[in-house]
Amino acid sequence: MTSRLVVVHPDVDVLAEAAAARLLTRILDVQSVRRPVHVVLTGGTVGIRALAAAAASPLVAAVDWSGVHLWWGDERFLPTGDADRNETQARAAMIDALVTSAGLPEANVHPVAGPDTAGSPEESAAAYAAELAAQADDGAPVPAFDVLLLGMGPDGHVASLFPGHEALGATGATVGVHGSPKPPAERVSLTFDAINAAREVWVVAAGAEKAEQAAAALAGQPVAEVPASGVAGTDRTLWLLDTAASDAP
């Protein structure tokens, strides 16, 4: 049976450092029993700060990065190298250093295609679905992600699944998103089917502007109104919050 745990840290700095330590420890724990390890990264302020903290941790040297695959829960449909892409920010925070000096193979980094290599969000989503399936076991549509990181917006969105948006009902592994209420309008996202195939899902959120929606999600409000309420790992779901995000009025 899946379990849910809410962990509250005193501020965003401690949250980012703790999430980083937790992530590296999780990778090490999984590597002791199976390989490869599949990790889904998120963007956002706290997500990128956590990756930077992970890159600076001495635990990095203990991980066999040759056996780790990195994915993204969503991506803005922007050209490779654009500063607003989650991939670009994650490379600067952590991935480039791992590739250069920690033995992470570039082939194990799985970015979402942008308009420089895909003609539309749908084409990019289809290509990503194929890449996910190629790394999955036993014909599954996606790997059983060992940890899937998600940020949460002040509106309760996760990945690029926004309240009231048609993408909420998408099936399969991925979906092309148009008309996102948060720029840019075009994106690619994992679906709830793919997210909830993860062994562990971690929602990382900080700030008072997230508190109301975090409380609503934890209370099980409708997914159409609070998409974050619809995510759960098959083994465990973690909500990693700072005090401000946990203090709903």
C-alpha atoms as a PDB file:
ATOM      1  CA  MET A   1       0.000   0.000   0.000  1.00  0.00           C
ATOM      2  CA  THR A   2       1.308   3.423  -0.891  1.00  0.00           C
ATOM      3  CA  SER A   3       2.130   5.773   1.967  1.00  0.00           C
ATOM      4  CA  ARG A   4       2.127   9.554   2.174  1.00  0.00           C
ATOM      5  CA  LEU A   5       4.437  11.661   4.305  1.00  0.00           C
ATOM      6  CA  VAL A   6       4.504  15.427   4.773  1.00  0.00           C
ATOM      7  CA  VAL A   7       7.868  16.855   5.857  1.00  0.00           C
ATOM      8  CA  VAL A   8       8.070  20.524   6.825  1.00  0.00           C
ATOM      9  CA  HIS A   9      11.400  22.360   6.851  1.00  0.00           C
ATOM     10  CA  PRO A  10      11.942  25.737   8.500  1.00  0.00           C
ATOM     11  CA  ASP A  11      12.737  27.709   5.337  1.00  0.00           C
ATOM     12  CA  VAL A  12      13.453  27.360   1.635  1.00  0.00           C
ATOM     13  CA  ASP A  13      17.224  27.078   2.114  1.00  0.00           C
ATOM     14  CA  VAL A  14      16.898  24.099   4.430  1.00  0.00           C
ATOM     15  CA  LEU A  15      14.224  22.606   2.158  1.00  0.00           C
ATOM     16  CA  ALA A  16      16.524  22.696  -0.875  1.00  0.00           C
ATOM     17  CA  GLU A  17      19.476  21.238   1.021  1.00  0.00           C
ATOM     18  CA  ALA A  18      17.332  18.520   2.600  1.00  0.00           C
ATOM     19  CA  ALA A  19      15.726  17.595  -0.719  1.00  0.00           C
ATOM     20  CA  ALA A  20      19.188  17.306  -2.274  1.00  0.00           C
ATOM     21  CA  ALA A  21      20.463  15.028   0.489  1.00  0.00           C
ATOM     22  CA  ARG A  22      17.290  12.972   0.318  1.00  0.00           C
ATOM     23  CA  LEU A  23      17.611  12.586  -3.462  1.00  0.00           C
ATOM     24  CA  LEU A  24      21.218  11.418  -3.375  1.00  0.00           C
ATOM     25  CA  THR A  25      20.490   9.032  -0.525  1.00  0.00           C
ATOM     26  CA  ARG A  26      17.532   7.623  -2.426  1.00  0.00           C
ATOM     27  CA  ILE A  27      19.719   6.983  -5.489  1.00  0.00           C
ATOM     28  CA  LEU A  28      22.336   5.247  -3.345  1.00  0.00           C
ATOM     29  CA  ASP A  29      19.703   3.118  -1.622  1.00  0.00           C
ATOM     30  CA  VAL A  30      18.204   2.022  -4.939  1.00  0.00           C
ATOM     31  CA  GLN A  31      21.619   1.220  -6.412  1.00  0.00           C
ATOM     32  CA  SER A  32      22.196  -1.206  -3.572  1.00  0.00           C
ATOM     33  CA  VAL A  33      19.329  -3.384  -4.816  1.00  0.00           C
ATOM     34  CA  ARG A  34      18.782  -2.716  -8.537  1.00  0.00           C
ATOM     35  CA  ARG A  35      19.991  -0.862 -11.610  1.00  0.00           C
ATOM     36  CA  PRO A  36      19.549   1.321 -13.496  1.00  0.00           C
ATOM     37  CA  VAL A  37      18.045   4.121 -11.431  1.00  0.00           C
ATOM     38  CA  HIS A  38      15.497   6.389 -13.118  1.00  0.00           C
ATOM     39  CA  VAL A  39      15.029   9.918 -11.759  1.00  0.00           C
ATOM     40  CA  VAL A  40      12.600  12.533 -13.046  1.00  0.00           C
ATOM     41  CA  LEU A  41      13.703  16.124 -12.502  1.00  0.00           C
ATOM     42  CA  THR A  42      11.641  19.268 -12.086  1.00  0.00           C
ATOM     43  CA  GLY A  43      12.315  22.928 -12.722  1.00  0.00           C
ATOM     44  CA  GLY A  44      11.268  25.903 -10.651  1.00  0.00           C
ATOM     45  CA  THR A  45      13.191  27.857  -8.085  1.00  0.00           C
ATOM     46  CA  VAL A  46      13.293  25.227  -5.359  1.00  0.00           C
ATOM     47  CA  GLY A  47      13.823  22.335  -7.758  1.00  0.00           C
ATOM     48  CA  ILE A  48      16.850  23.952  -9.357  1.00  0.00           C
ATOM     49  CA  ARG A  49      18.243  25.027  -5.982  1.00  0.00           C
ATOM     50  CA  ALA A  50      17.976  21.435  -4.819  1.00  0.00           C
ATOM     51  CA  LEU A  51      19.911  20.238  -7.868  1.00  0.00           C
ATOM     52  CA  ALA A  52      22.641  22.793  -7.212  1.00  0.00           C
ATOM     53  CA  ALA A  53      22.834  21.635  -3.596  1.00  0.00           C
ATOM     54  CA  ALA A  54      23.060  18.026  -4.769  1.00  0.00           C
ATOM     55  CA  ALA A  55      25.913  18.862  -7.128  1.00  0.00           C
ATOM     56  CA  ALA A  56      27.848  20.399  -4.224  1.00  0.00           C
ATOM     57  CA  SER A  57      27.271  17.470  -1.863  1.00  0.00           C
ATOM     58  CA  PRO A  58      30.056  15.026  -1.005  1.00  0.00           C
ATOM     59  CA  LEU A  59      27.494  12.248  -1.549  1.00  0.00           C
ATOM     60  CA  VAL A  60      27.813  12.825  -5.309  1.00  0.00           C
ATOM     61  CA  ALA A  61      31.063  10.866  -5.308  1.00  0.00           C
ATOM     62  CA  ALA A  62      29.361   7.827  -3.784  1.00  0.00           C
ATOM     63  CA  VAL A  63      26.815   7.493  -6.604  1.00  0.00           C
ATOM     64  CA  ASP A  64      27.598   5.370  -9.658  1.00  0.00           C
ATOM     65  CA  TRP A  65      26.264   7.882 -12.159  1.00  0.00           C
ATOM     66  CA  SER A  66      26.854   5.512 -15.055  1.00  0.00           C
ATOM     67  CA  GLY A  67      23.767   3.670 -13.830  1.00  0.00           C
ATOM     68  CA  VAL A  68      21.464   6.702 -13.460  1.00  0.00           C
ATOM     69  CA  HIS A  69      19.027   7.993 -16.075  1.00  0.00           C
ATOM     70  CA  LEU A  70      17.653  11.527 -15.815  1.00  0.00           C
ATOM     71  CA  TRP A  71      14.274  12.558 -17.234  1.00  0.00           C
ATOM     72  CA  TRP A  72      11.964  15.568 -17.013  1.00  0.00           C
ATOM     73  CA  GLY A  73       8.356  15.767 -15.865  1.00  0.00           C
ATOM     74  CA  ASP A  74       7.682  18.611 -18.254  1.00  0.00           C
ATOM     75  CA  GLU A  75       9.429  21.080 -20.488  1.00  0.00           C
ATOM     76  CA  ARG A  76       8.700  24.406 -22.112  1.00  0.00           C
ATOM     77  CA  PHE A  77       8.572  23.973 -25.902  1.00  0.00           C
ATOM     78  CA  LEU A  78      11.558  26.229 -26.491  1.00  0.00           C
ATOM     79  CA  PRO A  79      14.783  25.672 -28.439  1.00  0.00           C
ATOM     80  CA  THR A  80      17.659  23.709 -26.964  1.00  0.00           C
ATOM     81  CA  GLY A  81      19.773  25.989 -24.782  1.00  0.00           C
ATOM     82  CA  ASP A  82      17.005  28.528 -24.124  1.00  0.00           C
ATOM     83  CA  ALA A  83      17.462  29.959 -20.637  1.00  0.00           C
ATOM     84  CA  ASP A  84      13.841  29.251 -19.721  1.00  0.00           C
ATOM     85  CA  ARG A  85      14.039  25.521 -20.408  1.00  0.00           C
ATOM     86  CA  ASN A  86      14.094  23.253 -17.371  1.00  0.00           C
ATOM     87  CA  GLU A  87      16.867  21.291 -19.059  1.00  0.00           C
ATOM     88  CA  THR A  88      19.079  24.360 -19.478  1.00  0.00           C
ATOM     89  CA  GLN A  89      18.703  25.322 -15.834  1.00  0.00           C
ATOM     90  CA  ALA A  90      19.269  21.768 -14.612  1.00  0.00           C
ATOM     91  CA  ARG A  91      22.408  21.417 -16.716  1.00  0.00           C
ATOM     92  CA  ALA A  92      23.846  24.592 -15.236  1.00  0.00           C
ATOM     93  CA  ALA A  93      22.907  23.583 -11.690  1.00  0.00           C
ATOM     94  CA  MET A  94      24.012  19.957 -11.724  1.00  0.00           C
ATOM     95  CA  ILE A  95      24.060  17.903 -14.904  1.00  0.00           C
ATOM     96  CA  ASP A  96      27.009  19.484 -16.706  1.00  0.00           C
ATOM     97  CA  ALA A  97      29.197  18.903 -13.665  1.00  0.00           C
ATOM     98  CA  LEU A  98      28.071  15.277 -13.395  1.00  0.00           C
ATOM     99  CA  VAL A  99      28.824  14.640 -17.056  1.00  0.00           C
ATOM    100  CA  THR A 100      32.182  16.371 -16.883  1.00  0.00           C
ATOM    101  CA  SER A 101      33.541  15.000 -13.648  1.00  0.00           C
ATOM    102  CA  ALA A 102      31.266  12.382 -12.073  1.00  0.00           C
ATOM    103  CA  GLY A 103      30.823   9.839 -14.859  1.00  0.00           C
ATOM    104  CA  LEU A 104      27.232  10.545 -15.896  1.00  0.00           C
ATOM    105  CA  PRO A 105      26.947   9.464 -19.561  1.00  0.00           C
ATOM    106  CA  GLU A 106      25.395  12.096 -21.786  1.00  0.00           C
ATOM    107  CA  ALA A 107      23.294   9.285 -23.269  1.00  0.00           C
ATOM    108  CA  ASN A 108      21.646   8.856 -19.856  1.00  0.00           C
ATOM    109  CA  VAL A 109      20.324  12.433 -19.944  1.00  0.00           C
ATOM    110  CA  HIS A 110      16.938  12.482 -21.656  1.00  0.00           C
ATOM    111  CA  PRO A 111      15.829  16.020 -22.548  1.00  0.00           C
ATOM    112  CA  VAL A 112      12.517  16.827 -24.192  1.00  0.00           C
ATOM    113  CA  ALA A 113      12.846  17.994 -27.799  1.00  0.00           C
ATOM    114  CA  GLY A 114      12.188  21.657 -28.555  1.00  0.00           C
ATOM    115  CA  PRO A 115      11.135  23.399 -31.767  1.00  0.00           C
ATOM    116  CA  ASP A 116      14.678  23.186 -33.125  1.00  0.00           C
ATOM    117  CA  THR A 117      14.275  19.411 -33.493  1.00  0.00           C
ATOM    118  CA  ALA A 118      10.499  18.772 -33.259  1.00  0.00           C
ATOM    119  CA  GLY A 119       7.794  20.373 -35.361  1.00  0.00           C
ATOM    120  CA  SER A 120       5.195  20.670 -32.608  1.00  0.00           C
ATOM    121  CA  PRO A 121       4.581  19.856 -28.936  1.00  0.00           C
ATOM    122  CA  GLU A 122       2.727  16.734 -30.101  1.00  0.00           C
ATOM    123  CA  GLU A 123       5.710  15.565 -32.146  1.00  0.00           C
ATOM    124  CA  SER A 124       8.005  16.191 -29.198  1.00  0.00           C
ATOM    125  CA  ALA A 125       5.638  14.381 -26.829  1.00  0.00           C
ATOM    126  CA  ALA A 126       5.468  11.369 -29.142  1.00  0.00           C
ATOM    127  CA  ALA A 127       9.254  11.211 -29.400  1.00  0.00           C
ATOM    128  CA  TYR A 128       9.591  11.414 -25.617  1.00  0.00           C
ATOM    129  CA  ALA A 129       6.998   8.676 -25.144  1.00  0.00           C
ATOM    130  CA  ALA A 130       9.026   6.446 -27.483  1.00  0.00           C
ATOM    131  CA  GLU A 131      12.232   7.180 -25.572  1.00  0.00           C
ATOM    132  CA  LEU A 132      10.537   6.406 -22.260  1.00  0.00           C
ATOM    133  CA  ALA A 133       9.142   3.141 -23.569  1.00  0.00           C
ATOM    134  CA  ALA A 134      12.572   2.131 -24.865  1.00  0.00           C
ATOM    135  CA  GLN A 135      13.950   2.335 -21.315  1.00  0.00           C
ATOM    136  CA  ALA A 136      10.997   0.595 -19.664  1.00  0.00           C
ATOM    137  CA  ASP A 137      10.788  -3.063 -18.673  1.00  0.00           C
ATOM    138  CA  ASP A 138       8.317  -5.692 -19.837  1.00  0.00           C
ATOM    139  CA  GLY A 139       6.597  -3.520 -22.408  1.00  0.00           C
ATOM    140  CA  ALA A 140       5.557  -0.847 -19.918  1.00  0.00           C
ATOM    141  CA  PRO A 141       5.039   2.643 -21.370  1.00  0.00           C
ATOM    142  CA  VAL A 142       7.484   4.259 -18.934  1.00  0.00           C
ATOM    143  CA  PRO A 143      10.223   3.122 -16.565  1.00  0.00           C
ATOM    144  CA  ALA A 144       9.149   2.603 -12.973  1.00  0.00           C
ATOM    145  CA  PHE A 145      10.766   5.869 -11.914  1.00  0.00           C
ATOM    146  CA  ASP A 146      12.603   5.482  -8.614  1.00  0.00           C
ATOM    147  CA  VAL A 147      11.931   9.081  -7.698  1.00  0.00           C
ATOM    148  CA  LEU A 148       9.909  11.683  -9.563  1.00  0.00           C
ATOM    149  CA  LEU A 149      10.311  15.266  -8.440  1.00  0.00           C
ATOM    150  CA  LEU A 150       7.518  17.785  -8.919  1.00  0.00           C
ATOM    151  CA  GLY A 151       7.193  21.422  -8.103  1.00  0.00           C
ATOM    152  CA  MET A 152       3.770  22.929  -7.514  1.00  0.00           C
ATOM    153  CA  GLY A 153       2.525  26.281  -8.732  1.00  0.00           C
ATOM    154  CA  PRO A 154       0.414  28.710  -6.695  1.00  0.00           C
ATOM    155  CA  ASP A 155      -2.553  27.491  -8.747  1.00  0.00           C
ATOM    156  CA  GLY A 156      -1.883  23.880  -7.744  1.00  0.00           C
ATOM    157  CA  HIS A 157      -0.457  22.766 -11.098  1.00  0.00           C
ATOM    158  CA  VAL A 158       2.205  20.093 -11.347  1.00  0.00           C
ATOM    159  CA  ALA A 159       4.404  19.404 -14.370  1.00  0.00           C
ATOM    160  CA  SER A 160       2.464  21.250 -17.096  1.00  0.00           C
ATOM    161  CA  LEU A 161      -0.929  19.982 -15.954  1.00  0.00           C
ATOM    162  CA  PHE A 162      -2.950  23.086 -15.114  1.00  0.00           C
ATOM    163  CA  PRO A 163      -6.354  23.479 -13.424  1.00  0.00           C
ATOM    164  CA  GLY A 164      -9.217  23.113 -15.845  1.00  0.00           C
ATOM    165  CA  HIS A 165      -6.920  22.388 -18.796  1.00  0.00           C
ATOM    166  CA  GLU A 166      -7.708  19.665 -21.312  1.00  0.00           C
ATOM    167  CA  ALA A 167      -4.280  18.097 -20.782  1.00  0.00           C
ATOM    168  CA  LEU A 168      -5.465  16.882 -17.359  1.00  0.00           C
ATOM    169  CA  GLY A 169      -7.399  14.128 -19.084  1.00  0.00           C
ATOM    170  CA  ALA A 170      -4.622  12.983 -21.385  1.00  0.00           C
ATOM    171  CA  THR A 171      -3.785   9.284 -21.406  1.00  0.00           C
ATOM    172  CA  GLY A 172      -0.605   7.539 -22.389  1.00  0.00           C
ATOM    173  CA  ALA A 173       2.805   8.728 -21.216  1.00  0.00           C
ATOM    174  CA  THR A 174       3.086  12.283 -22.540  1.00  0.00           C
ATOM    175  CA  VAL A 175       0.973  15.147 -23.842  1.00  0.00           C
ATOM    176  CA  GLY A 176       1.591  18.240 -25.920  1.00  0.00           C
ATOM    177  CA  VAL A 177       0.202  21.278 -24.140  1.00  0.00           C
ATOM    178  CA  HIS A 178      -1.215  24.352 -25.856  1.00  0.00           C
ATOM    179  CA  GLY A 179      -2.677  27.418 -24.223  1.00  0.00           C
ATOM    180  CA  SER A 180      -0.821  27.079 -20.947  1.00  0.00           C
ATOM    181  CA  PRO A 181      -1.991  29.813 -18.552  1.00  0.00           C
ATOM    182  CA  LYS A 182       1.653  30.248 -17.571  1.00  0.00           C
ATOM    183  CA  PRO A 183       3.992  31.324 -20.405  1.00  0.00           C
ATOM    184  CA  PRO A 184       5.137  29.912 -22.689  1.00  0.00           C
ATOM    185  CA  ALA A 185       1.842  28.643 -24.052  1.00  0.00           C
ATOM    186  CA  GLU A 186       3.334  25.519 -25.637  1.00  0.00           C
ATOM    187  CA  ARG A 187       4.807  22.763 -23.484  1.00  0.00           C
ATOM    188  CA  VAL A 188       5.301  19.012 -23.204  1.00  0.00           C
ATOM    189  CA  SER A 189       4.329  17.138 -20.067  1.00  0.00           C
ATOM    190  CA  LEU A 190       4.152  13.712 -18.543  1.00  0.00           C
ATOM    191  CA  THR A 191       0.564  12.653 -17.927  1.00  0.00           C
ATOM    192  CA  PHE A 192      -0.901  11.513 -14.643  1.00  0.00           C
ATOM    193  CA  ASP A 193      -0.564   7.950 -15.968  1.00  0.00           C
ATOM    194  CA  ALA A 194       3.207   8.383 -16.265  1.00  0.00           C
ATOM    195  CA  ILE A 195       3.651  10.362 -13.054  1.00  0.00           C
ATOM    196  CA  ASN A 196       1.712   7.874 -10.972  1.00  0.00           C
ATOM    197  CA  ALA A 197       3.752   4.960 -12.345  1.00  0.00           C
ATOM    198  CA  ALA A 198       6.701   6.235 -10.266  1.00  0.00           C
ATOM    199  CA  ARG A 199       7.712   4.299  -7.206  1.00  0.00           C
ATOM    200  CA  GLU A 200       8.122   7.549  -5.281  1.00  0.00           C
ATOM    201  CA  VAL A 201       6.639  10.945  -6.111  1.00  0.00           C
ATOM    202  CA  TRP A 202       8.013  13.971  -4.260  1.00  0.00           C
ATOM    203  CA  VAL A 203       6.204  17.303  -4.368  1.00  0.00           C
ATOM    204  CA  VAL A 204       8.588  20.095  -3.368  1.00  0.00           C
ATOM    205  CA  ALA A 205       7.012  23.487  -2.625  1.00  0.00           C
ATOM    206  CA  ALA A 206       7.999  26.635  -0.758  1.00  0.00           C
ATOM    207  CA  GLY A 207       6.410  29.991  -0.031  1.00  0.00           C
ATOM    208  CA  ALA A 208       3.196  31.303   1.472  1.00  0.00           C
ATOM    209  CA  GLU A 209       1.651  31.622  -1.987  1.00  0.00           C
ATOM    210  CA  LYS A 210       1.657  27.793  -2.192  1.00  0.00           C
ATOM    211  CA  ALA A 211       0.050  27.158   1.194  1.00  0.00           C
ATOM    212  CA  GLU A 212      -3.618  27.226   0.220  1.00  0.00           C
ATOM    213  CA  GLN A 213      -3.176  24.867  -2.725  1.00  0.00           C
ATOM    214  CA  ALA A 214      -0.873  22.525  -0.790  1.00  0.00           C
ATOM    215  CA  ALA A 215      -3.537  22.193   1.881  1.00  0.00           C
ATOM    216  CA  ALA A 216      -6.213  21.656  -0.766  1.00  0.00           C
ATOM    217  CA  ALA A 217      -4.185  18.964  -2.501  1.00  0.00           C
ATOM    218  CA  LEU A 218      -3.457  17.160   0.745  1.00  0.00           C
ATOM    219  CA  ALA A 219      -7.167  17.307   1.561  1.00  0.00           C
ATOM    220  CA  GLY A 220      -7.963  15.600  -1.737  1.00  0.00           C
ATOM    221  CA  GLN A 221      -9.692  18.408  -3.562  1.00  0.00           C
ATOM    222  CA  PRO A 222     -10.772  17.617  -7.161  1.00  0.00           C
ATOM    223  CA  VAL A 223      -7.925  17.179  -9.618  1.00  0.00           C
ATOM    224  CA  ALA A 224      -9.611  19.505 -12.105  1.00  0.00           C
ATOM    225  CA  GLU A 225      -9.279  22.292  -9.533  1.00  0.00           C
ATOM    226  CA  VAL A 226      -6.013  21.268  -7.833  1.00  0.00           C
ATOM    227  CA  PRO A 227      -3.968  18.993 -10.119  1.00  0.00           C
ATOM    228  CA  ALA A 228      -1.422  18.306  -7.367  1.00  0.00           C
ATOM    229  CA  SER A 229      -4.062  16.284  -5.541  1.00  0.00           C
ATOM    230  CA  GLY A 230      -3.897  13.697  -8.328  1.00  0.00           C
ATOM    231  CA  VAL A 231      -0.276  12.604  -7.925  1.00  0.00           C
ATOM    232  CA  ALA A 232       0.881   9.600  -5.931  1.00  0.00           C
ATOM    233  CA  GLY A 233       3.777   7.172  -6.043  1.00  0.00           C
ATOM    234  CA  THR A 234       3.121   3.446  -6.142  1.00  0.00           C
ATOM    235  CA  ASP A 235       5.251   3.005  -2.998  1.00  0.00           C
ATOM    236  CA  ARG A 236       5.380   6.426  -1.385  1.00  0.00           C
ATOM    237  CA  THR A 237       4.371  10.042  -1.858  1.00  0.00           C
ATOM    238  CA  LEU A 238       6.410  12.753  -0.150  1.00  0.00           C
ATOM    239  CA  TRP A 239       5.352  16.348   0.313  1.00  0.00           C
ATOM    240  CA  LEU A 240       8.466  18.386   1.094  1.00  0.00           C
ATOM    241  CA  LEU A 241       7.445  21.868   2.213  1.00  0.00           C
ATOM    242  CA  ASP A 242       8.861  24.869   3.981  1.00  0.00           C
ATOM    243  CA  THR A 243       6.993  26.350   6.935  1.00  0.00           C
ATOM    244  CA  ALA A 244       5.399  29.066   4.811  1.00  0.00           C
ATOM    245  CA  ALA A 245       3.958  26.574   2.322  1.00  0.00           C
ATOM    246  CA  SER A 246       2.578  24.401   5.116  1.00  0.00           C
ATOM    247  CA  ASP A 247       0.800  27.220   6.933  1.00  0.00           C
ATOM    248  CA  ALA A 248      -2.550  27.522   5.171  1.00  0.00           C
ATOM    249  CA  PRO A 249      -4.858  30.263   6.474  1.00  0.00           C
END
